[in-house]
Amino acid sequence: MSQRVWLINKRKSMKLTQLQVAQSASIERAYYTQIENGKRNPSVKVAKNIANVLSFEWSLFFEVNCSEKRQLRKEVI
């Protein structure tokens, strides 16, 4: 798995730290870091929580061939 650059960019564009996203998504910062780094995939529940915090479609975590442009689009679930 490779680093989720789109997720990192989304978080940074909202001026949030990994800790802030993790706390808002009710997960540990270390787990969120692993998700950003592509070392772990989130569960559906966690994907929805992160997507709610960062305002994007949660299913993007599970799409293999989605474009970065689509990932960066602001969509509230």
Protein backbone atom coordinates (compact mmCIF):
# COMPACT_ATOMS: atom_id res chain seq x y z
CA MET A 1 0.00 0.00 0.00
CA SER A 2 1.20 3.52 -0.66
CA GLN A 3 0.87 6.72 1.27
CA ARG A 4 -2.54 8.40 0.92
CA VAL A 5 -1.27 11.77 -0.28
CA TRP A 6 -4.82 12.94 -0.97
CA LEU A 7 -5.75 12.33 2.67
CA ILE A 8 -2.70 14.16 3.97
CA ASN A 9 -3.38 17.11 1.64
CA LYS A 10 -7.02 17.22 2.70
CA ARG A 11 -6.09 17.29 6.39
CA LYS A 12 -3.42 19.95 5.88
CA SER A 13 -5.73 22.12 3.77
CA MET A 14 -8.10 22.19 6.73
CA LYS A 15 -5.16 23.10 9.00
CA LEU A 16 -5.70 20.07 11.23
CA THR A 17 -3.10 17.89 12.91
CA GLN A 18 -3.20 14.11 12.84
CA LEU A 19 -4.11 14.21 16.53
CA GLN A 20 -7.06 16.54 15.93
CA VAL A 21 -8.45 14.32 13.16
CA ALA A 22 -7.91 11.17 15.20
CA GLN A 23 -9.61 12.60 18.28
CA SER A 24 -12.56 13.89 16.25
CA ALA A 25 -12.87 10.49 14.56
CA SER A 26 -12.67 8.67 17.92
CA ILE A 27 -9.52 6.71 17.07
CA GLU A 28 -5.92 6.69 18.27
CA ARG A 29 -3.45 9.04 16.55
CA ALA A 30 -1.12 6.13 15.77
CA TYR A 31 -3.93 4.32 13.93
CA TYR A 32 -4.78 7.45 11.94
CA THR A 33 -1.10 7.87 11.04
CA GLN A 34 -1.00 4.29 9.76
CA ILE A 35 -4.09 4.98 7.64
CA GLU A 36 -2.48 8.11 6.14
CA ASN A 37 0.74 6.22 5.49
CA GLY A 38 -1.12 3.39 3.76
CA LYS A 39 -0.03 0.79 6.29
CA ARG A 40 -3.60 0.05 7.41
CA ASN A 41 -7.04 0.29 5.90
CA PRO A 42 -9.81 1.75 8.03
CA SER A 43 -12.96 -0.17 8.85
CA VAL A 44 -16.14 1.23 7.31
CA LYS A 45 -17.04 2.85 10.63
CA VAL A 46 -13.64 4.53 10.94
CA ALA A 47 -13.68 5.58 7.27
CA LYS A 48 -17.05 7.26 7.84
CA ASN A 49 -15.77 9.01 10.97
CA ILE A 50 -12.66 10.34 9.22
CA ALA A 51 -14.68 11.37 6.17
CA ASN A 52 -17.11 13.28 8.40
CA VAL A 53 -14.24 15.14 10.04
CA LEU A 54 -12.53 16.00 6.73
CA SER A 55 -15.69 16.42 4.59
CA PHE A 56 -15.30 13.84 1.85
CA GLU A 57 -17.08 10.70 0.67
CA TRP A 58 -16.09 7.80 2.95
CA SER A 59 -16.13 5.23 0.17
CA LEU A 60 -13.03 6.85 -1.37
CA PHE A 61 -10.94 4.76 1.01
CA PHE A 62 -12.14 1.63 -0.79
CA GLU A 63 -12.01 2.74 -4.43
CA VAL A 64 -8.97 1.34 -6.19
CA ASN A 65 -8.93 3.59 -9.23
CA CYS A 66 -10.39 6.87 -8.03
CA SER A 67 -8.71 10.05 -9.16
CA GLU A 68 -7.00 12.41 -6.75
CA LYS A 69 -9.18 15.23 -8.11
CA ARG A 70 -12.28 13.35 -6.93
CA GLN A 71 -10.70 12.64 -3.57
CA LEU A 72 -10.01 16.30 -2.96
CA ARG A 73 -13.54 17.42 -3.80
CA LYS A 74 -15.51 18.58 -0.76
CA GLU A 75 -18.46 16.29 -0.24
CA VAL A 76 -20.38 15.93 2.95
CA ILE A 77 -21.88 12.52 3.52
